[in-house]
Amino acid sequence: MSTQVRDDPDATRYVIETDGAIVGAAYYNRFEDHIVFTHTEVDEGHQGEGLASQLVQSALDDVRTAGLRVVALCPYVRSWLQRHPDYQDLQR
């Protein structure tokens, strides 16, 4: 199974693809100095595979590279950040 995360700025979301099919997304609103994650979802048939965690980590790595801060309105992103102290510095 080939998995890839990419930013889809036209749809204001990061997507995770498995074998070329989009199976999840983390939606956001981007501002000049920060990004607000509003909702994360993974298709029902792919839940429990760790894809949401992979999606959020890759999105946050991209956010870090861009020099942005994070506002986590999405409960999943908020709980992911709480479980990963090495990403706490991204929170606004």
Protein backbone atom coordinates (compact mmCIF):
# COMPACT_ATOMS: atom_id res chain seq x y z
CA MET A 1 0.00 0.00 0.00
CA SER A 2 1.47 3.32 -1.15
CA THR A 3 0.51 6.33 0.99
CA GLN A 4 1.17 10.01 0.31
CA VAL A 5 0.17 13.26 2.03
CA ARG A 6 -0.06 16.47 0.05
CA ASP A 7 -1.41 19.97 0.45
CA ASP A 8 -4.46 20.79 -1.68
CA PRO A 9 -4.55 24.59 -1.22
CA ASP A 10 -7.41 25.15 -3.68
CA ALA A 11 -9.62 23.02 -1.41
CA THR A 12 -7.93 24.33 1.79
CA ARG A 13 -7.01 20.87 3.00
CA TYR A 14 -4.21 18.38 3.31
CA VAL A 15 -5.14 15.02 1.83
CA ILE A 16 -3.83 11.53 2.36
CA GLU A 17 -3.90 9.19 -0.61
CA THR A 18 -3.61 5.44 -0.59
CA ASP A 19 -2.75 3.87 -3.92
CA GLY A 20 -3.76 7.12 -5.65
CA ALA A 21 -7.18 7.48 -4.01
CA ILE A 22 -7.93 10.22 -1.45
CA VAL A 23 -8.94 8.49 1.79
CA GLY A 24 -8.72 11.36 4.27
CA ALA A 25 -8.33 15.08 4.72
CA ALA A 26 -7.39 17.71 7.28
CA TYR A 27 -9.22 20.96 6.53
CA TYR A 28 -7.75 24.34 7.37
CA ASN A 29 -7.96 28.10 7.06
CA ARG A 30 -4.59 29.65 6.32
CA PHE A 31 -3.58 33.15 7.39
CA GLU A 32 -0.39 35.14 7.01
CA ASP A 33 1.31 33.82 10.15
CA HIS A 34 -0.80 30.84 11.22
CA ILE A 35 -3.05 28.02 10.08
CA VAL A 36 -6.30 26.94 11.74
CA PHE A 37 -7.12 23.24 11.48
CA THR A 38 -10.90 22.88 11.59
CA HIS A 39 -11.68 19.23 10.82
CA THR A 40 -9.94 15.93 10.09
CA GLU A 41 -11.56 12.86 8.61
CA VAL A 42 -10.57 9.45 7.24
CA ASP A 43 -12.88 7.30 5.16
CA GLU A 44 -14.71 4.74 7.27
CA GLY A 45 -13.08 1.82 5.45
CA HIS A 46 -9.61 3.08 6.40
CA GLN A 47 -10.16 4.03 10.04
CA GLY A 48 -7.86 2.30 12.51
CA GLU A 49 -4.94 2.16 10.06
CA GLY A 50 -3.06 5.13 11.54
CA LEU A 51 -3.75 7.29 8.51
CA ALA A 52 -5.15 10.24 10.48
CA SER A 53 -1.98 10.39 12.56
CA GLN A 54 0.20 10.18 9.45
CA LEU A 55 -1.89 12.91 7.80
CA VAL A 56 -1.66 15.28 10.76
CA GLN A 57 2.06 14.72 11.31
CA SER A 58 2.87 15.37 7.66
CA ALA A 59 0.65 18.48 7.61
CA LEU A 60 2.32 19.81 10.77
CA ASP A 61 5.77 19.12 9.34
CA ASP A 62 4.78 21.19 6.31
CA VAL A 63 3.43 23.95 8.57
CA ARG A 64 6.70 23.98 10.52
CA THR A 65 8.71 24.29 7.29
CA ALA A 66 6.52 27.23 6.24
CA GLY A 67 7.21 28.96 9.58
CA LEU A 68 3.54 29.08 10.58
CA ARG A 69 1.89 28.60 13.96
CA VAL A 70 -1.08 26.30 14.53
CA VAL A 71 -4.52 26.84 16.00
CA ALA A 72 -6.15 23.46 16.54
CA LEU A 73 -9.94 23.82 16.51
CA CYS A 74 -10.18 20.24 15.25
CA PRO A 75 -10.41 17.88 18.25
CA TYR A 76 -8.23 15.26 16.56
CA VAL A 77 -5.42 17.72 15.78
CA ARG A 78 -5.67 19.13 19.31
CA SER A 79 -5.37 15.67 20.91
CA TRP A 80 -2.57 14.69 18.49
CA LEU A 81 -0.60 17.76 19.56
CA GLN A 82 -1.13 16.89 23.24
CA ARG A 83 0.32 13.40 22.62
CA HIS A 84 3.37 14.72 20.74
CA PRO A 85 5.30 17.21 22.88
CA ASP A 86 7.89 17.74 20.13
CA TYR A 87 5.17 19.60 18.18
CA GLN A 88 3.92 21.77 21.07
CA ASP A 89 6.02 24.70 19.88
CA LEU A 90 3.79 25.06 16.82
CA GLN A 91 0.73 26.01 18.86
CA ARG A 92 -0.31 29.61 18.81
